[in-house]
Amino acid sequence: MSESYGPVLKVSDLDHSRPHEIDVKLDTDSADALATALGIDGMRKVRLSGRLAPFGKADWRFAGNLGATVVQPCVVTLAPVTTRIEAPVERSWLRDLPPVKAEESETPDDVSVERLGSEIDFGTVLAEAVALNLPDYPRAEGAELEDASFTEPGRDPMSDDDAKPFAGLAALRDQLAGKSGDGPDEDQ
């Protein structure tokens, strides 16, 4: 996502003695560009608002809210599904956060903490917040998957019961317990 979707603040220009109100609203062109970058059908009413506050000697913390209406294809029918996203957004930028080394390139435990650089890009914060809060499997109202059977010609298709091997073992256990007379309910 090379396009900027919000203000980029120079850390050296921020007054570290007070909090700063942040309010980012995307216009139609920026919302369309972000929707395209995220691979969804559309987006509107996108807003990130909150407060960027200093903490420690040089660090910053943002706490706010994301609101966005997104349009995605239904996972069953591909019909457009509109979803309203309302989500809290928290992010911290720490001056003394050690850099990530190549051998430590796994995702960190806390993805809301970043190393403080020379700028804080609220467009990136907004874009990441939208991406993290998109519904994974949007489904149109009433859309249901129908039963489908796939098998080789001349063979019986596998049923849901066939896919549960332990159900068959439980039935066999119950049958054996009933025949042997050693069931747990016998002497009670």
C-alpha atoms as a PDB file:
ATOM      1  CA  MET A   1       0.000   0.000   0.000  1.00  0.00           C
ATOM      2  CA  SER A   2       2.136   2.804  -1.259  1.00  0.00           C
ATOM      3  CA  GLU A   3      -0.626   5.430  -1.269  1.00  0.00           C
ATOM      4  CA  SER A   4      -1.079   7.454   1.907  1.00  0.00           C
ATOM      5  CA  TYR A   5      -4.568   7.363   3.427  1.00  0.00           C
ATOM      6  CA  GLY A   6      -3.983   9.887   6.181  1.00  0.00           C
ATOM      7  CA  PRO A   7      -1.574  12.348   7.711  1.00  0.00           C
ATOM      8  CA  VAL A   8       2.079  11.552   8.239  1.00  0.00           C
ATOM      9  CA  LEU A   9       3.269  13.393  11.338  1.00  0.00           C
ATOM     10  CA  LYS A  10       6.926  14.298  11.835  1.00  0.00           C
ATOM     11  CA  VAL A  11       7.869  13.255  15.356  1.00  0.00           C
ATOM     12  CA  SER A  12      10.204  16.246  15.690  1.00  0.00           C
ATOM     13  CA  ASP A  13       7.226  18.593  15.096  1.00  0.00           C
ATOM     14  CA  LEU A  14       5.048  17.011  17.815  1.00  0.00           C
ATOM     15  CA  ASP A  15       4.774  18.797  21.156  1.00  0.00           C
ATOM     16  CA  HIS A  16       5.696  16.065  23.647  1.00  0.00           C
ATOM     17  CA  SER A  17       4.121  17.975  26.544  1.00  0.00           C
ATOM     18  CA  ARG A  18       0.492  17.417  25.472  1.00  0.00           C
ATOM     19  CA  PRO A  19      -1.809  14.977  23.645  1.00  0.00           C
ATOM     20  CA  HIS A  20      -2.858  15.534  20.030  1.00  0.00           C
ATOM     21  CA  GLU A  21      -6.339  14.849  18.639  1.00  0.00           C
ATOM     22  CA  ILE A  22      -6.318  12.732  15.483  1.00  0.00           C
ATOM     23  CA  ASP A  23      -9.280  12.642  13.092  1.00  0.00           C
ATOM     24  CA  VAL A  24      -8.826  11.037   9.681  1.00  0.00           C
ATOM     25  CA  LYS A  25     -11.751  10.780   7.249  1.00  0.00           C
ATOM     26  CA  LEU A  26     -11.222   9.268   3.815  1.00  0.00           C
ATOM     27  CA  ASP A  27     -12.758  10.964   0.798  1.00  0.00           C
ATOM     28  CA  THR A  28     -14.397   8.824  -1.902  1.00  0.00           C
ATOM     29  CA  ASP A  29     -11.243   8.506  -4.032  1.00  0.00           C
ATOM     30  CA  SER A  30      -9.052   7.480  -1.081  1.00  0.00           C
ATOM     31  CA  ALA A  31     -11.685   5.004   0.169  1.00  0.00           C
ATOM     32  CA  ASP A  32     -11.904   3.469  -3.310  1.00  0.00           C
ATOM     33  CA  ALA A  33      -8.104   3.247  -3.530  1.00  0.00           C
ATOM     34  CA  LEU A  34      -7.892   1.535  -0.133  1.00  0.00           C
ATOM     35  CA  ALA A  35     -10.678  -0.887  -1.083  1.00  0.00           C
ATOM     36  CA  THR A  36      -8.759  -1.786  -4.235  1.00  0.00           C
ATOM     37  CA  ALA A  37      -5.514  -2.220  -2.269  1.00  0.00           C
ATOM     38  CA  LEU A  38      -7.319  -4.540   0.190  1.00  0.00           C
ATOM     39  CA  GLY A  39      -8.997  -6.525  -2.607  1.00  0.00           C
ATOM     40  CA  ILE A  40     -12.566  -5.761  -1.556  1.00  0.00           C
ATOM     41  CA  ASP A  41     -15.463  -4.391  -3.598  1.00  0.00           C
ATOM     42  CA  GLY A  42     -15.888  -1.038  -1.876  1.00  0.00           C
ATOM     43  CA  MET A  43     -15.628   1.122   1.195  1.00  0.00           C
ATOM     44  CA  ARG A  44     -17.284   4.275   2.527  1.00  0.00           C
ATOM     45  CA  LYS A  45     -17.641   6.320   5.712  1.00  0.00           C
ATOM     46  CA  VAL A  46     -14.069   5.509   6.751  1.00  0.00           C
ATOM     47  CA  ARG A  47     -12.890   7.340   9.842  1.00  0.00           C
ATOM     48  CA  LEU A  48     -10.105   6.930  12.386  1.00  0.00           C
ATOM     49  CA  SER A  49     -10.279   9.217  15.395  1.00  0.00           C
ATOM     50  CA  GLY A  50      -8.604   9.293  18.759  1.00  0.00           C
ATOM     51  CA  ARG A  51      -5.797  10.751  20.773  1.00  0.00           C
ATOM     52  CA  LEU A  52      -2.050  10.531  20.284  1.00  0.00           C
ATOM     53  CA  ALA A  53      -0.480  11.039  23.698  1.00  0.00           C
ATOM     54  CA  PRO A  54       3.137  11.190  24.835  1.00  0.00           C
ATOM     55  CA  PHE A  55       4.411   8.760  27.421  1.00  0.00           C
ATOM     56  CA  GLY A  56       7.864   8.234  28.808  1.00  0.00           C
ATOM     57  CA  LYS A  57      10.650  10.499  27.631  1.00  0.00           C
ATOM     58  CA  ALA A  58      10.140  10.088  23.886  1.00  0.00           C
ATOM     59  CA  ASP A  59       7.430   7.490  23.224  1.00  0.00           C
ATOM     60  CA  TRP A  60       3.889   7.906  21.860  1.00  0.00           C
ATOM     61  CA  ARG A  61       0.619   6.011  22.287  1.00  0.00           C
ATOM     62  CA  PHE A  62      -2.541   6.269  20.172  1.00  0.00           C
ATOM     63  CA  ALA A  63      -5.953   5.147  21.418  1.00  0.00           C
ATOM     64  CA  GLY A  64      -8.938   5.636  19.195  1.00  0.00           C
ATOM     65  CA  ASN A  65     -11.702   4.110  17.134  1.00  0.00           C
ATOM     66  CA  LEU A  66     -12.112   2.969  13.564  1.00  0.00           C
ATOM     67  CA  GLY A  67     -15.408   3.181  11.733  1.00  0.00           C
ATOM     68  CA  ALA A  68     -15.894   1.970   8.171  1.00  0.00           C
ATOM     69  CA  THR A  69     -18.556   0.478   5.952  1.00  0.00           C
ATOM     70  CA  VAL A  70     -17.082  -2.197   3.686  1.00  0.00           C
ATOM     71  CA  VAL A  71     -18.473  -4.184   0.778  1.00  0.00           C
ATOM     72  CA  GLN A  72     -17.092  -7.672   0.133  1.00  0.00           C
ATOM     73  CA  PRO A  73     -18.254 -10.599  -1.988  1.00  0.00           C
ATOM     74  CA  CYS A  74     -20.257 -13.306  -0.195  1.00  0.00           C
ATOM     75  CA  VAL A  75     -18.168 -16.457   0.245  1.00  0.00           C
ATOM     76  CA  VAL A  76     -21.100 -18.570  -0.978  1.00  0.00           C
ATOM     77  CA  THR A  77     -22.858 -16.572  -3.710  1.00  0.00           C
ATOM     78  CA  LEU A  78     -20.380 -13.766  -4.504  1.00  0.00           C
ATOM     79  CA  ALA A  79     -23.230 -11.275  -3.973  1.00  0.00           C
ATOM     80  CA  PRO A  80     -22.085  -8.004  -2.356  1.00  0.00           C
ATOM     81  CA  VAL A  81     -22.181  -8.038   1.451  1.00  0.00           C
ATOM     82  CA  THR A  82     -22.101  -4.722   3.295  1.00  0.00           C
ATOM     83  CA  THR A  83     -20.660  -4.711   6.810  1.00  0.00           C
ATOM     84  CA  ARG A  84     -20.208  -1.865   9.274  1.00  0.00           C
ATOM     85  CA  ILE A  85     -16.937  -2.066  11.192  1.00  0.00           C
ATOM     86  CA  GLU A  86     -16.597  -0.322  14.562  1.00  0.00           C
ATOM     87  CA  ALA A  87     -13.384  -1.263  16.349  1.00  0.00           C
ATOM     88  CA  PRO A  88     -10.960   0.137  18.916  1.00  0.00           C
ATOM     89  CA  VAL A  89      -7.457   0.902  17.640  1.00  0.00           C
ATOM     90  CA  GLU A  90      -4.407   1.092  19.883  1.00  0.00           C
ATOM     91  CA  ARG A  91      -0.852   1.633  18.774  1.00  0.00           C
ATOM     92  CA  SER A  92       2.393   2.545  20.559  1.00  0.00           C
ATOM     93  CA  TRP A  93       5.655   3.814  19.117  1.00  0.00           C
ATOM     94  CA  LEU A  94       8.709   3.202  21.299  1.00  0.00           C
ATOM     95  CA  ARG A  95      12.058   4.881  20.735  1.00  0.00           C
ATOM     96  CA  ASP A  96      14.075   2.126  22.411  1.00  0.00           C
ATOM     97  CA  LEU A  97      12.319  -0.879  20.855  1.00  0.00           C
ATOM     98  CA  PRO A  98      15.099  -3.154  19.595  1.00  0.00           C
ATOM     99  CA  PRO A  99      15.101  -3.701  15.830  1.00  0.00           C
ATOM    100  CA  VAL A 100      13.897  -7.068  14.542  1.00  0.00           C
ATOM    101  CA  LYS A 101      16.716  -9.265  13.274  1.00  0.00           C
ATOM    102  CA  ALA A 102      16.357 -11.588  10.289  1.00  0.00           C
ATOM    103  CA  GLU A 103      16.435 -14.706  12.468  1.00  0.00           C
ATOM    104  CA  GLU A 104      13.678 -13.198  14.655  1.00  0.00           C
ATOM    105  CA  SER A 105      11.394 -12.320  11.762  1.00  0.00           C
ATOM    106  CA  GLU A 106       8.353 -14.098  13.196  1.00  0.00           C
ATOM    107  CA  THR A 107       5.314 -11.999  13.998  1.00  0.00           C
ATOM    108  CA  PRO A 108       5.801 -10.359  17.390  1.00  0.00           C
ATOM    109  CA  ASP A 109       3.412 -11.124  20.256  1.00  0.00           C
ATOM    110  CA  ASP A 110       2.172  -7.537  20.391  1.00  0.00           C
ATOM    111  CA  VAL A 111       1.569  -6.115  16.916  1.00  0.00           C
ATOM    112  CA  SER A 112       0.325  -2.823  18.364  1.00  0.00           C
ATOM    113  CA  VAL A 113       3.880  -1.765  19.306  1.00  0.00           C
ATOM    114  CA  GLU A 114       6.272  -0.327  16.729  1.00  0.00           C
ATOM    115  CA  ARG A 115       9.703   1.210  16.752  1.00  0.00           C
ATOM    116  CA  LEU A 116       9.500   5.018  16.781  1.00  0.00           C
ATOM    117  CA  GLY A 117      11.009   6.468  13.638  1.00  0.00           C
ATOM    118  CA  SER A 118      11.063  10.023  12.375  1.00  0.00           C
ATOM    119  CA  GLU A 119       7.376   9.888  11.350  1.00  0.00           C
ATOM    120  CA  ILE A 120       4.058   8.467  12.499  1.00  0.00           C
ATOM    121  CA  ASP A 121       1.909   7.532   9.501  1.00  0.00           C
ATOM    122  CA  PHE A 122      -1.783   7.541  10.428  1.00  0.00           C
ATOM    123  CA  GLY A 123      -2.730   6.477   6.913  1.00  0.00           C
ATOM    124  CA  THR A 124      -0.902   3.221   7.504  1.00  0.00           C
ATOM    125  CA  VAL A 125      -2.504   2.848  10.945  1.00  0.00           C
ATOM    126  CA  LEU A 126      -5.940   3.324   9.354  1.00  0.00           C
ATOM    127  CA  ALA A 127      -5.268   0.897   6.474  1.00  0.00           C
ATOM    128  CA  GLU A 128      -3.934  -1.796   8.834  1.00  0.00           C
ATOM    129  CA  ALA A 129      -6.876  -1.360  11.198  1.00  0.00           C
ATOM    130  CA  VAL A 130      -9.364  -1.816   8.352  1.00  0.00           C
ATOM    131  CA  ALA A 131      -7.493  -4.874   7.043  1.00  0.00           C
ATOM    132  CA  LEU A 132      -7.358  -6.483  10.503  1.00  0.00           C
ATOM    133  CA  ASN A 133     -11.080  -5.958  11.093  1.00  0.00           C
ATOM    134  CA  LEU A 134     -12.503  -7.127   7.758  1.00  0.00           C
ATOM    135  CA  PRO A 135     -14.915 -10.049   8.120  1.00  0.00           C
ATOM    136  CA  ASP A 136     -13.079 -13.255   7.194  1.00  0.00           C
ATOM    137  CA  TYR A 137     -16.083 -14.989   5.620  1.00  0.00           C
ATOM    138  CA  PRO A 138     -18.775 -12.470   4.673  1.00  0.00           C
ATOM    139  CA  ARG A 139     -22.058 -14.192   3.948  1.00  0.00           C
ATOM    140  CA  ALA A 140     -25.166 -12.735   2.314  1.00  0.00           C
ATOM    141  CA  GLU A 141     -28.371 -13.136   4.275  1.00  0.00           C
ATOM    142  CA  GLY A 142     -29.873 -16.568   3.622  1.00  0.00           C
ATOM    143  CA  ALA A 143     -26.816 -17.840   1.731  1.00  0.00           C
ATOM    144  CA  GLU A 144     -26.083 -21.441   2.617  1.00  0.00           C
ATOM    145  CA  LEU A 145     -23.752 -24.046   1.239  1.00  0.00           C
ATOM    146  CA  GLU A 146     -25.619 -26.932  -0.307  1.00  0.00           C
ATOM    147  CA  ASP A 147     -24.510 -30.513   0.192  1.00  0.00           C
ATOM    148  CA  ALA A 148     -22.074 -31.546  -2.485  1.00  0.00           C
ATOM    149  CA  SER A 149     -20.760 -35.029  -3.139  1.00  0.00           C
ATOM    150  CA  PHE A 150     -17.595 -35.711  -5.057  1.00  0.00           C
ATOM    151  CA  THR A 151     -16.322 -39.191  -5.744  1.00  0.00           C
ATOM    152  CA  GLU A 152     -14.963 -41.454  -8.426  1.00  0.00           C
ATOM    153  CA  PRO A 153     -17.470 -42.934 -10.878  1.00  0.00           C
ATOM    154  CA  GLY A 154     -18.913 -46.211  -9.576  1.00  0.00           C
ATOM    155  CA  ARG A 155     -18.207 -45.499  -5.881  1.00  0.00           C
ATOM    156  CA  ASP A 156     -20.514 -44.275  -3.152  1.00  0.00           C
ATOM    157  CA  PRO A 157     -19.817 -40.700  -2.033  1.00  0.00           C
ATOM    158  CA  MET A 158     -18.484 -40.203   1.482  1.00  0.00           C
ATOM    159  CA  SER A 159     -21.127 -38.988   3.939  1.00  0.00           C
ATOM    160  CA  ASP A 160     -20.718 -36.745   6.963  1.00  0.00           C
ATOM    161  CA  ASP A 161     -21.028 -39.840   9.173  1.00  0.00           C
ATOM    162  CA  ASP A 162     -18.164 -41.482   7.277  1.00  0.00           C
ATOM    163  CA  ALA A 163     -16.005 -38.484   8.135  1.00  0.00           C
ATOM    164  CA  LYS A 164     -16.505 -39.097  11.856  1.00  0.00           C
ATOM    165  CA  PRO A 165     -14.518 -42.285  12.521  1.00  0.00           C
ATOM    166  CA  PHE A 166     -14.763 -42.030  16.297  1.00  0.00           C
ATOM    167  CA  ALA A 167     -18.566 -42.107  16.129  1.00  0.00           C
ATOM    168  CA  GLY A 168     -18.273 -45.577  14.623  1.00  0.00           C
ATOM    169  CA  LEU A 169     -15.838 -46.629  17.353  1.00  0.00           C
ATOM    170  CA  ALA A 170     -18.199 -45.340  20.046  1.00  0.00           C
ATOM    171  CA  ALA A 171     -21.044 -47.372  18.542  1.00  0.00           C
ATOM    172  CA  LEU A 172     -18.815 -50.471  18.451  1.00  0.00           C
ATOM    173  CA  ARG A 173     -17.804 -49.898  22.088  1.00  0.00           C
ATOM    174  CA  ASP A 174     -21.428 -49.575  23.117  1.00  0.00           C
ATOM    175  CA  GLN A 175     -22.340 -52.708  21.159  1.00  0.00           C
ATOM    176  CA  LEU A 176     -19.517 -54.726  22.717  1.00  0.00           C
ATOM    177  CA  ALA A 177     -20.372 -53.492  26.208  1.00  0.00           C
ATOM    178  CA  GLY A 178     -23.981 -54.596  25.716  1.00  0.00           C
ATOM    179  CA  LYS A 179     -23.060 -58.092  24.430  1.00  0.00           C
ATOM    180  CA  SER A 180     -20.443 -58.956  27.047  1.00  0.00           C
ATOM    181  CA  GLY A 181     -22.569 -57.990  30.027  1.00  0.00           C
ATOM    182  CA  ASP A 182     -19.612 -56.133  31.526  1.00  0.00           C
ATOM    183  CA  GLY A 183     -21.122 -52.720  30.964  1.00  0.00           C
ATOM    184  CA  PRO A 184     -20.773 -50.191  33.764  1.00  0.00           C
ATOM    185  CA  ASP A 185     -24.554 -50.188  34.410  1.00  0.00           C
ATOM    186  CA  GLU A 186     -24.832 -53.966  35.016  1.00  0.00           C
ATOM    187  CA  ASP A 187     -24.297 -54.247  38.790  1.00  0.00           C
ATOM    188  CA  GLN A 188     -25.869 -51.007  39.900  1.00  0.00           C
END
